[in-house]
Amino acid sequence: MERSFLQRIEAFLNESAMPPSVFGRAAVRDPRLISDLRSGREPGRDIICRVEHFMNKWRADRHIGDVAPSGDRRTRAFRRLGTEFKA
């Protein structure tokens, strides 16, 4: 049985340790995307394609070592390896 769009996003959020607002902003420039989807918003085909592309690209980048899950935005949720913030 195929998982719903929201279930796939929830699984990605758990996998990446990315907060919902950061995910929405990075994927489709909408920080309220996840909360709206949880409230019953029906996404259009364009939103679905952009979100799926973002998740697939993030996973591919992680697979080759470009991205590391590292918490929320305050700790650079999807910081590029080798370009870490130095305080």
PDB file of N, CA and C in Angstrom:
ATOM      1  N   MET A   1       0.844  -1.189   0.000  1.00  0.00           N
ATOM      2  CA  MET A   1       0.000   0.000   0.000  1.00  0.00           C
ATOM      3  C   MET A   1       0.887   1.249   0.000  1.00  0.00           C
ATOM      4  N   GLU A   2       0.595   2.151  -0.885  1.00  0.00           N
ATOM      5  CA  GLU A   2       1.382   3.380  -1.016  1.00  0.00           C
ATOM      6  C   GLU A   2       1.062   4.337   0.124  1.00  0.00           C
ATOM      7  N   ARG A   3       2.112   4.964   0.631  1.00  0.00           N
ATOM      8  CA  ARG A   3       1.927   5.952   1.692  1.00  0.00           C
ATOM      9  C   ARG A   3       1.439   7.262   1.087  1.00  0.00           C
ATOM     10  N   SER A   4       0.725   8.019   1.890  1.00  0.00           N
ATOM     11  CA  SER A   4       0.223   9.305   1.414  1.00  0.00           C
ATOM     12  C   SER A   4       1.364  10.310   1.339  1.00  0.00           C
ATOM     13  N   PHE A   5       1.104  11.409   0.663  1.00  0.00           N
ATOM     14  CA  PHE A   5       2.080  12.479   0.510  1.00  0.00           C
ATOM     15  C   PHE A   5       2.548  12.979   1.871  1.00  0.00           C
ATOM     16  N   LEU A   6       1.619  13.219   2.774  1.00  0.00           N
ATOM     17  CA  LEU A   6       1.974  13.712   4.107  1.00  0.00           C
ATOM     18  C   LEU A   6       2.789  12.672   4.886  1.00  0.00           C
ATOM     19  N   GLN A   7       2.468  11.408   4.752  1.00  0.00           N
ATOM     20  CA  GLN A   7       3.229  10.363   5.434  1.00  0.00           C
ATOM     21  C   GLN A   7       4.666  10.302   4.927  1.00  0.00           C
ATOM     22  N   ARG A   8       4.857  10.496   3.623  1.00  0.00           N
ATOM     23  CA  ARG A   8       6.211  10.511   3.071  1.00  0.00           C
ATOM     24  C   ARG A   8       6.995  11.707   3.605  1.00  0.00           C
ATOM     25  N   ILE A   9       6.330  12.853   3.731  1.00  0.00           N
ATOM     26  CA  ILE A   9       6.996  14.037   4.277  1.00  0.00           C
ATOM     27  C   ILE A   9       7.356  13.812   5.742  1.00  0.00           C
ATOM     28  N   GLU A  10       6.424  13.262   6.517  1.00  0.00           N
ATOM     29  CA  GLU A  10       6.692  13.000   7.938  1.00  0.00           C
ATOM     30  C   GLU A  10       7.882  12.063   8.101  1.00  0.00           C
ATOM     31  N   ALA A  11       7.968  11.030   7.261  1.00  0.00           N
ATOM     32  CA  ALA A  11       9.106  10.110   7.319  1.00  0.00           C
ATOM     33  C   ALA A  11      10.404  10.846   6.993  1.00  0.00           C
ATOM     34  N   PHE A  12      10.340  11.749   6.002  1.00  0.00           N
ATOM     35  CA  PHE A  12      11.530  12.529   5.649  1.00  0.00           C
ATOM     36  C   PHE A  12      11.942  13.443   6.791  1.00  0.00           C
ATOM     37  N   LEU A  13      10.985  14.069   7.450  1.00  0.00           N
ATOM     38  CA  LEU A  13      11.304  14.953   8.574  1.00  0.00           C
ATOM     39  C   LEU A  13      11.997  14.184   9.686  1.00  0.00           C
ATOM     40  N   ASN A  14      11.550  12.973   9.950  1.00  0.00           N
ATOM     41  CA  ASN A  14      12.206  12.137  10.970  1.00  0.00           C
ATOM     42  C   ASN A  14      13.610  11.737  10.531  1.00  0.00           C
ATOM     43  N   GLU A  15      13.751  11.393   9.270  1.00  0.00           N
ATOM     44  CA  GLU A  15      15.042  10.969   8.729  1.00  0.00           C
ATOM     45  C   GLU A  15      16.062  12.108   8.734  1.00  0.00           C
ATOM     46  N   SER A  16      15.617  13.296   8.385  1.00  0.00           N
ATOM     47  CA  SER A  16      16.539  14.422   8.220  1.00  0.00           C
ATOM     48  C   SER A  16      16.707  15.268   9.473  1.00  0.00           C
ATOM     49  N   ALA A  17      15.859  15.083  10.467  1.00  0.00           N
ATOM     50  CA  ALA A  17      15.872  15.901  11.680  1.00  0.00           C
ATOM     51  C   ALA A  17      15.665  17.376  11.352  1.00  0.00           C
ATOM     52  N   MET A  18      14.875  17.630  10.330  1.00  0.00           N
ATOM     53  CA  MET A  18      14.605  18.984   9.876  1.00  0.00           C
ATOM     54  C   MET A  18      13.245  19.429  10.419  1.00  0.00           C
ATOM     55  N   PRO A  19      13.166  20.615  11.000  1.00  0.00           N
ATOM     56  CA  PRO A  19      11.878  21.105  11.475  1.00  0.00           C
ATOM     57  C   PRO A  19      10.925  21.368  10.309  1.00  0.00           C
ATOM     58  N   PRO A  20       9.630  21.236  10.536  1.00  0.00           N
ATOM     59  CA  PRO A  20       8.659  21.433   9.457  1.00  0.00           C
ATOM     60  C   PRO A  20       8.747  22.788   8.767  1.00  0.00           C
ATOM     61  N   SER A  21       8.958  23.852   9.533  1.00  0.00           N
ATOM     62  CA  SER A  21       9.002  25.172   8.904  1.00  0.00           C
ATOM     63  C   SER A  21      10.237  25.324   8.016  1.00  0.00           C
ATOM     64  N   VAL A  22      11.355  24.761   8.418  1.00  0.00           N
ATOM     65  CA  VAL A  22      12.570  24.819   7.608  1.00  0.00           C
ATOM     66  C   VAL A  22      12.373  24.012   6.327  1.00  0.00           C
ATOM     67  N   PHE A  23      11.747  22.849   6.462  1.00  0.00           N
ATOM     68  CA  PHE A  23      11.465  22.015   5.304  1.00  0.00           C
ATOM     69  C   PHE A  23      10.585  22.752   4.299  1.00  0.00           C
ATOM     70  N   GLY A  24       9.485  23.316   4.771  1.00  0.00           N
ATOM     71  CA  GLY A  24       8.572  24.021   3.876  1.00  0.00           C
ATOM     72  C   GLY A  24       9.231  25.195   3.185  1.00  0.00           C
ATOM     73  N   ARG A  25      10.026  25.935   3.934  1.00  0.00           N
ATOM     74  CA  ARG A  25      10.727  27.090   3.356  1.00  0.00           C
ATOM     75  C   ARG A  25      11.742  26.636   2.314  1.00  0.00           C
ATOM     76  N   ALA A  26      12.484  25.589   2.596  1.00  0.00           N
ATOM     77  CA  ALA A  26      13.516  25.118   1.669  1.00  0.00           C
ATOM     78  C   ALA A  26      12.910  24.461   0.429  1.00  0.00           C
ATOM     79  N   ALA A  27      11.821  23.735   0.611  1.00  0.00           N
ATOM     80  CA  ALA A  27      11.242  22.988  -0.507  1.00  0.00           C
ATOM     81  C   ALA A  27      10.391  23.858  -1.427  1.00  0.00           C
ATOM     82  N   VAL A  28       9.522  24.688  -0.844  1.00  0.00           N
ATOM     83  CA  VAL A  28       8.583  25.453  -1.677  1.00  0.00           C
ATOM     84  C   VAL A  28       8.405  26.901  -1.233  1.00  0.00           C
ATOM     85  N   ARG A  29       9.310  27.385  -0.390  1.00  0.00           N
ATOM     86  CA  ARG A  29       9.257  28.763   0.118  1.00  0.00           C
ATOM     87  C   ARG A  29       7.962  29.064   0.875  1.00  0.00           C
ATOM     88  N   ASP A  30       7.474  28.060   1.597  1.00  0.00           N
ATOM     89  CA  ASP A  30       6.257  28.216   2.392  1.00  0.00           C
ATOM     90  C   ASP A  30       6.485  27.582   3.761  1.00  0.00           C
ATOM     91  N   PRO A  31       6.842  28.386   4.774  1.00  0.00           N
ATOM     92  CA  PRO A  31       7.127  27.807   6.092  1.00  0.00           C
ATOM     93  C   PRO A  31       5.908  27.162   6.753  1.00  0.00           C
ATOM     94  N   ARG A  32       4.707  27.465   6.289  1.00  0.00           N
ATOM     95  CA  ARG A  32       3.502  26.877   6.882  1.00  0.00           C
ATOM     96  C   ARG A  32       2.996  25.658   6.127  1.00  0.00           C
ATOM     97  N   LEU A  33       3.742  25.193   5.158  1.00  0.00           N
ATOM     98  CA  LEU A  33       3.298  24.070   4.329  1.00  0.00           C
ATOM     99  C   LEU A  33       2.885  22.861   5.151  1.00  0.00           C
ATOM    100  N   ILE A  34       3.738  22.404   6.041  1.00  0.00           N
ATOM    101  CA  ILE A  34       3.461  21.181   6.802  1.00  0.00           C
ATOM    102  C   ILE A  34       2.262  21.367   7.721  1.00  0.00           C
ATOM    103  N   SER A  35       2.199  22.491   8.411  1.00  0.00           N
ATOM    104  CA  SER A  35       1.047  22.705   9.293  1.00  0.00           C
ATOM    105  C   SER A  35      -0.248  22.785   8.488  1.00  0.00           C
ATOM    106  N   ASP A  36      -0.188  23.381   7.310  1.00  0.00           N
ATOM    107  CA  ASP A  36      -1.382  23.430   6.453  1.00  0.00           C
ATOM    108  C   ASP A  36      -1.764  22.039   5.961  1.00  0.00           C
ATOM    109  N   LEU A  37      -0.782  21.229   5.575  1.00  0.00           N
ATOM    110  CA  LEU A  37      -1.073  19.865   5.128  1.00  0.00           C
ATOM    111  C   LEU A  37      -1.670  19.034   6.261  1.00  0.00           C
ATOM    112  N   ARG A  38      -1.137  19.216   7.464  1.00  0.00           N
ATOM    113  CA  ARG A  38      -1.676  18.498   8.623  1.00  0.00           C
ATOM    114  C   ARG A  38      -3.095  18.927   8.927  1.00  0.00           C
ATOM    115  N   SER A  39      -3.444  20.154   8.545  1.00  0.00           N
ATOM    116  CA  SER A  39      -4.794  20.678   8.785  1.00  0.00           C
ATOM    117  C   SER A  39      -5.758  20.344   7.659  1.00  0.00           C
ATOM    118  N   GLY A  40      -5.270  19.662   6.624  1.00  0.00           N
ATOM    119  CA  GLY A  40      -6.170  19.227   5.568  1.00  0.00           C
ATOM    120  C   GLY A  40      -5.977  19.890   4.216  1.00  0.00           C
ATOM    121  N   ARG A  41      -4.976  20.732   4.063  1.00  0.00           N
ATOM    122  CA  ARG A  41      -4.720  21.372   2.772  1.00  0.00           C
ATOM    123  C   ARG A  41      -4.395  20.322   1.724  1.00  0.00           C
ATOM    124  N   GLU A  42      -4.982  20.472   0.554  1.00  0.00           N
ATOM    125  CA  GLU A  42      -4.715  19.568  -0.560  1.00  0.00           C
ATOM    126  C   GLU A  42      -3.710  20.233  -1.494  1.00  0.00           C
ATOM    127  N   PRO A  43      -2.500  19.697  -1.602  1.00  0.00           N
ATOM    128  CA  PRO A  43      -1.493  20.320  -2.459  1.00  0.00           C
ATOM    129  C   PRO A  43      -1.769  20.056  -3.934  1.00  0.00           C
ATOM    130  N   GLY A  44      -1.356  20.991  -4.759  1.00  0.00           N
ATOM    131  CA  GLY A  44      -1.468  20.812  -6.203  1.00  0.00           C
ATOM    132  C   GLY A  44      -0.311  19.987  -6.735  1.00  0.00           C
ATOM    133  N   ARG A  45      -0.384  19.674  -8.000  1.00  0.00           N
ATOM    134  CA  ARG A  45       0.646  18.847  -8.629  1.00  0.00           C
ATOM    135  C   ARG A  45       2.013  19.526  -8.580  1.00  0.00           C
ATOM    136  N   ASP A  46       2.052  20.846  -8.761  1.00  0.00           N
ATOM    137  CA  ASP A  46       3.314  21.576  -8.735  1.00  0.00           C
ATOM    138  C   ASP A  46       3.986  21.465  -7.366  1.00  0.00           C
ATOM    139  N   ILE A  47       3.210  21.645  -6.308  1.00  0.00           N
ATOM    140  CA  ILE A  47       3.759  21.546  -4.948  1.00  0.00           C
ATOM    141  C   ILE A  47       4.271  20.134  -4.688  1.00  0.00           C
ATOM    142  N   ILE A  48       3.500  19.133  -5.074  1.00  0.00           N
ATOM    143  CA  ILE A  48       3.905  17.739  -4.866  1.00  0.00           C
ATOM    144  C   ILE A  48       5.223  17.460  -5.586  1.00  0.00           C
ATOM    145  N   CYS A  49       5.333  17.906  -6.829  1.00  0.00           N
ATOM    146  CA  CYS A  49       6.558  17.669  -7.600  1.00  0.00           C
ATOM    147  C   CYS A  49       7.751  18.379  -6.984  1.00  0.00           C
ATOM    148  N   ARG A  50       7.569  19.622  -6.545  1.00  0.00           N
ATOM    149  CA  ARG A  50       8.674  20.375  -5.947  1.00  0.00           C
ATOM    150  C   ARG A  50       9.130  19.746  -4.636  1.00  0.00           C
ATOM    151  N   VAL A  51       8.174  19.294  -3.826  1.00  0.00           N
ATOM    152  CA  VAL A  51       8.515  18.667  -2.544  1.00  0.00           C
ATOM    153  C   VAL A  51       9.231  17.331  -2.775  1.00  0.00           C
ATOM    154  N   GLU A  52       8.701  16.520  -3.681  1.00  0.00           N
ATOM    155  CA  GLU A  52       9.339  15.230  -3.976  1.00  0.00           C
ATOM    156  C   GLU A  52      10.751  15.443  -4.517  1.00  0.00           C
ATOM    157  N   HIS A  53      10.919  16.435  -5.380  1.00  0.00           N
ATOM    158  CA  HIS A  53      12.245  16.736  -5.918  1.00  0.00           C
ATOM    159  C   HIS A  53      13.206  17.148  -4.799  1.00  0.00           C
ATOM    160  N   PHE A  54      12.743  18.006  -3.902  1.00  0.00           N
ATOM    161  CA  PHE A  54      13.584  18.448  -2.790  1.00  0.00           C
ATOM    162  C   PHE A  54      14.020  17.263  -1.932  1.00  0.00           C
ATOM    163  N   MET A  55      13.070  16.381  -1.588  1.00  0.00           N
ATOM    164  CA  MET A  55      13.418  15.232  -0.744  1.00  0.00           C
ATOM    165  C   MET A  55      14.388  14.295  -1.465  1.00  0.00           C
ATOM    166  N   ASN A  56      14.152  14.045  -2.735  1.00  0.00           N
ATOM    167  CA  ASN A  56      15.040  13.159  -3.493  1.00  0.00           C
ATOM    168  C   ASN A  56      16.433  13.759  -3.627  1.00  0.00           C
ATOM    169  N   LYS A  57      16.515  15.055  -3.896  1.00  0.00           N
ATOM    170  CA  LYS A  57      17.817  15.711  -4.027  1.00  0.00           C
ATOM    171  C   LYS A  57      18.551  15.715  -2.690  1.00  0.00           C
ATOM    172  N   TRP A  58      17.843  15.969  -1.596  1.00  0.00           N
ATOM    173  CA  TRP A  58      18.480  15.962  -0.274  1.00  0.00           C
ATOM    174  C   TRP A  58      19.045  14.583   0.036  1.00  0.00           C
ATOM    175  N   ARG A  59      18.263  13.549  -0.269  1.00  0.00           N
ATOM    176  CA  ARG A  59      18.743  12.180  -0.010  1.00  0.00           C
ATOM    177  C   ARG A  59      19.943  11.846  -0.883  1.00  0.00           C
ATOM    178  N   ALA A  60      19.921  12.261  -2.138  1.00  0.00           N
ATOM    179  CA  ALA A  60      21.054  12.005  -3.029  1.00  0.00           C
ATOM    180  C   ALA A  60      22.298  12.737  -2.536  1.00  0.00           C
ATOM    181  N   ASP A  61      22.136  13.999  -2.131  1.00  0.00           N
ATOM    182  CA  ASP A  61      23.265  14.755  -1.598  1.00  0.00           C
ATOM    183  C   ASP A  61      23.805  14.115  -0.330  1.00  0.00           C
ATOM    184  N   ARG A  62      22.918  13.624   0.509  1.00  0.00           N
ATOM    185  CA  ARG A  62      23.346  12.960   1.744  1.00  0.00           C
ATOM    186  C   ARG A  62      24.094  11.675   1.420  1.00  0.00           C
ATOM    187  N   HIS A  63      23.606  10.963   0.405  1.00  0.00           N
ATOM    188  CA  HIS A  63      24.234   9.698   0.027  1.00  0.00           C
ATOM    189  C   HIS A  63      25.675   9.903  -0.435  1.00  0.00           C
ATOM    190  N   ILE A  64      25.932  10.989  -1.147  1.00  0.00           N
ATOM    191  CA  ILE A  64      27.295  11.241  -1.612  1.00  0.00           C
ATOM    192  C   ILE A  64      28.117  12.027  -0.595  1.00  0.00           C
ATOM    193  N   GLY A  65      27.475  12.446   0.499  1.00  0.00           N
ATOM    194  CA  GLY A  65      28.205  13.081   1.583  1.00  0.00           C
ATOM    195  C   GLY A  65      28.186  14.586   1.596  1.00  0.00           C
ATOM    196  N   ASP A  66      27.319  15.221   0.826  1.00  0.00           N
ATOM    197  CA  ASP A  66      27.251  16.684   0.807  1.00  0.00           C
ATOM    198  C   ASP A  66      26.429  17.277   1.944  1.00  0.00           C
ATOM    199  N   VAL A  67      25.476  16.529   2.477  1.00  0.00           N
ATOM    200  CA  VAL A  67      24.566  17.063   3.485  1.00  0.00           C
ATOM    201  C   VAL A  67      24.524  16.118   4.665  1.00  0.00           C
ATOM    202  N   ALA A  68      24.499  16.685   5.857  1.00  0.00           N
ATOM    203  CA  ALA A  68      24.390  15.871   7.063  1.00  0.00           C
ATOM    204  C   ALA A  68      23.212  16.352   7.884  1.00  0.00           C
ATOM    205  N   PRO A  69      22.338  15.463   8.347  1.00  0.00           N
ATOM    206  CA  PRO A  69      21.271  15.893   9.227  1.00  0.00           C
ATOM    207  C   PRO A  69      21.881  16.339  10.548  1.00  0.00           C
ATOM    208  N   SER A  70      21.521  17.515  10.987  1.00  0.00           N
ATOM    209  CA  SER A  70      22.150  18.006  12.214  1.00  0.00           C
ATOM    210  C   SER A  70      21.228  18.901  13.014  1.00  0.00           C
ATOM    211  N   GLY A  71      19.992  18.534  13.162  1.00  0.00           N
ATOM    212  CA  GLY A  71      19.094  19.298  14.010  1.00  0.00           C
ATOM    213  C   GLY A  71      18.318  20.366  13.279  1.00  0.00           C
ATOM    214  N   ASP A  72      17.919  21.370  14.024  1.00  0.00           N
ATOM    215  CA  ASP A  72      17.045  22.381  13.447  1.00  0.00           C
ATOM    216  C   ASP A  72      17.829  23.551  12.851  1.00  0.00           C
ATOM    217  N   ARG A  73      17.106  24.541  12.403  1.00  0.00           N
ATOM    218  CA  ARG A  73      17.679  25.680  11.703  1.00  0.00           C
ATOM    219  C   ARG A  73      18.725  26.412  12.531  1.00  0.00           C
ATOM    220  N   ARG A  74      18.498  26.483  13.818  1.00  0.00           N
ATOM    221  CA  ARG A  74      19.453  27.182  14.671  1.00  0.00           C
ATOM    222  C   ARG A  74      20.803  26.487  14.678  1.00  0.00           C
ATOM    223  N   THR A  75      20.817  25.188  14.357  1.00  0.00           N
ATOM    224  CA  THR A  75      22.084  24.464  14.284  1.00  0.00           C
ATOM    225  C   THR A  75      22.411  24.083  12.852  1.00  0.00           C
ATOM    226  N   ARG A  76      21.856  24.813  11.908  1.00  0.00           N
ATOM    227  CA  ARG A  76      22.106  24.596  10.479  1.00  0.00           C
ATOM    228  C   ARG A  76      21.575  23.241  10.026  1.00  0.00           C
ATOM    229  N   ALA A  77      20.262  23.154   9.887  1.00  0.00           N
ATOM    230  CA  ALA A  77      19.562  21.906   9.620  1.00  0.00           C
ATOM    231  C   ALA A  77      20.139  21.115   8.463  1.00  0.00           C
ATOM    232  N   PHE A  78      20.521  21.751   7.420  1.00  0.00           N
ATOM    233  CA  PHE A  78      21.102  20.994   6.321  1.00  0.00           C
ATOM    234  C   PHE A  78      22.394  21.674   5.884  1.00  0.00           C
ATOM    235  N   ARG A  79      23.313  21.683   6.827  1.00  0.00           N
ATOM    236  CA  ARG A  79      24.608  22.329   6.618  1.00  0.00           C
ATOM    237  C   ARG A  79      25.423  21.520   5.624  1.00  0.00           C
ATOM    238  N   ARG A  80      26.104  22.206   4.781  1.00  0.00           N
ATOM    239  CA  ARG A  80      26.983  21.561   3.810  1.00  0.00           C
ATOM    240  C   ARG A  80      28.276  21.164   4.517  1.00  0.00           C
ATOM    241  N   LEU A  81      28.686  19.959   4.313  1.00  0.00           N
ATOM    242  CA  LEU A  81      29.925  19.498   4.935  1.00  0.00           C
ATOM    243  C   LEU A  81      31.098  20.260   4.334  1.00  0.00           C
ATOM    244  N   GLY A  82      32.022  20.617   5.162  1.00  0.00           N
ATOM    245  CA  GLY A  82      33.198  21.334   4.706  1.00  0.00           C
ATOM    246  C   GLY A  82      33.023  22.834   4.733  1.00  0.00           C
ATOM    247  N   THR A  83      31.796  23.315   4.908  1.00  0.00           N
ATOM    248  CA  THR A  83      31.545  24.751   4.970  1.00  0.00           C
ATOM    249  C   THR A  83      30.832  25.083   6.258  1.00  0.00           C
ATOM    250  N   GLU A  84      31.222  24.424   7.318  1.00  0.00           N
ATOM    251  CA  GLU A  84      30.546  24.586   8.594  1.00  0.00           C
ATOM    252  C   GLU A  84      30.796  25.964   9.177  1.00  0.00           C
ATOM    253  N   PHE A  85      29.821  26.443   9.887  1.00  0.00           N
ATOM    254  CA  PHE A  85      29.868  27.765  10.502  1.00  0.00           C
ATOM    255  C   PHE A  85      30.897  27.766  11.619  1.00  0.00           C
ATOM    256  N   LYS A  86      31.751  28.758  11.623  1.00  0.00           N
ATOM    257  CA  LYS A  86      32.766  28.854  12.676  1.00  0.00           C
ATOM    258  C   LYS A  86      32.475  30.084  13.521  1.00  0.00           C
ATOM    259  N   ALA A  87      32.331  29.858  14.797  1.00  0.00           N
ATOM    260  CA  ALA A  87      32.002  30.969  15.707  1.00  0.00           C
ATOM    261  C   ALA A  87      33.240  31.643  16.233  1.00  0.00           C
TER     262      ALA A  87
END
